[in-house]
Protein backbone atom coordinates (compact mmCIF):
# COMPACT_ATOMS: atom_id res chain seq x y z
CA UNK A 1 0.55 9.96 -8.88
CA UNK A 2 2.96 11.89 -7.57
CA UNK A 3 6.72 11.33 -8.62
CA UNK A 4 8.23 10.68 -5.41
CA UNK A 5 7.84 7.60 -4.07
CA UNK A 6 8.47 9.20 -0.83
CA UNK A 7 5.51 11.50 -0.75
CA UNK A 8 2.00 9.92 0.68
CA UNK A 9 -0.66 9.48 -1.46
CA UNK A 10 -4.82 9.73 0.06
CA UNK A 11 -7.47 7.05 0.40
CA UNK A 12 -9.03 8.51 -2.87
CA UNK A 13 -5.54 8.05 -4.64
CA UNK A 14 -4.80 5.02 -3.55
CA UNK A 15 -8.04 3.44 -5.24
CA UNK A 16 -7.56 5.72 -8.17
CA UNK A 17 -3.39 4.60 -8.22
CA UNK A 18 -4.57 0.41 -7.54
CA UNK A 19 -7.38 0.82 -10.17
CA UNK A 20 -9.69 -0.59 -6.66
CA UNK A 21 -13.35 -0.08 -7.19
CA UNK A 22 -14.35 0.52 -3.73
CA UNK A 23 -12.41 1.19 -0.36
CA UNK A 24 -14.37 -2.16 0.85
CA UNK A 25 -11.78 -4.12 -1.51
CA UNK A 26 -8.63 -2.72 -0.41
CA UNK A 27 -9.80 -2.90 3.07
CA UNK A 28 -10.29 -6.77 2.69
CA UNK A 29 -6.96 -7.11 0.56
CA UNK A 30 -5.40 -4.99 4.03
CA UNK A 31 -7.04 -6.96 5.78
CA UNK A 32 -5.82 -10.76 3.95
CA UNK A 33 -2.45 -9.32 4.06
CA UNK A 34 -1.97 -8.14 0.28
CA UNK A 35 -1.76 -4.20 0.66
CA UNK A 36 0.09 -2.32 3.56
CA UNK A 37 -1.63 -0.48 6.20
CA UNK A 38 -1.89 3.10 5.90
CA UNK A 39 0.61 5.25 8.14
CA UNK A 40 -1.54 7.55 10.29
CA UNK A 41 -0.44 10.88 9.57
CA UNK A 42 -3.08 12.73 11.92
CA UNK A 43 -5.75 11.83 14.63
CA UNK A 44 -8.41 11.85 11.92
CA UNK A 45 -6.45 11.14 8.49
CA UNK A 46 -4.37 8.17 7.07
CA UNK A 47 -2.26 8.03 4.43
CA UNK A 48 0.25 5.42 2.03
CA UNK A 49 3.82 5.94 0.93
CA UNK A 50 3.38 6.19 -3.14
CA UNK A 51 7.05 3.73 -2.82
CA UNK A 52 4.59 1.09 -1.37
CA UNK A 53 1.46 1.13 -3.72
CA UNK A 54 4.11 0.94 -6.59
CA UNK A 55 5.42 -2.09 -5.38
CA UNK A 56 2.26 -3.76 -4.55
CA UNK A 57 1.66 -2.67 -8.09
CA UNK A 58 4.47 -4.01 -9.77
CA UNK A 59 3.90 -7.14 -7.83
CA UNK A 60 0.44 -7.33 -9.58
CA UNK A 61 2.28 -6.60 -12.80
CA UNK A 62 4.62 -9.71 -12.51
CA UNK A 63 1.92 -11.55 -10.97
CA UNK A 64 3.30 -12.94 -7.71
CA UNK A 65 1.51 -15.20 -5.90
CA UNK A 66 -0.26 -14.20 -2.42
CA UNK A 67 2.39 -15.78 -0.28
CA UNK A 68 4.92 -13.64 -2.30
CA UNK A 69 2.81 -10.34 -1.67
CA UNK A 70 2.29 -11.06 1.98
CA UNK A 71 6.09 -11.52 2.49
CA UNK A 72 6.68 -8.01 -0.15
CA UNK A 73 4.56 -6.07 2.46
CA UNK A 74 5.33 -8.00 5.78
CA UNK A 75 9.08 -6.47 4.27
CA UNK A 76 7.70 -3.13 3.71
CA UNK A 77 6.55 -2.73 7.26
CA UNK A 78 9.02 -4.03 8.45
CA UNK A 79 10.93 -1.12 6.30
CA UNK A 80 9.06 1.30 8.12
CA UNK A 81 9.93 0.38 11.92
CA UNK A 82 13.46 0.52 10.63
CA UNK A 83 13.13 3.75 9.41
CA UNK A 84 12.06 5.18 12.47
C-alpha cells in the first residue's frame, strides 16, 4: 500500500488492503454505509483515499461496532466536502 495518506488507491488495491474477497462484498459494505464510496477521478475511474481505507481498517482492528463505523464513514465523507 502506498505510504502517502492522501494518495489514491484503485479498486484492486483497496480489495488487497482490506483483504476483501471480492468487489461484491466491498460494494455491499459501501451500500450499507460501512465503507466510504469511491471518488470519481475520471469518467471511467473511481479511486479511494488511502487515508480513508487506513481509517476503516483501524476501526475494524479496534473492533468498532457497525454503528461506529457508519459514523466514521459519514465523518470521512463530510471531510471530503469541507476540503473542496
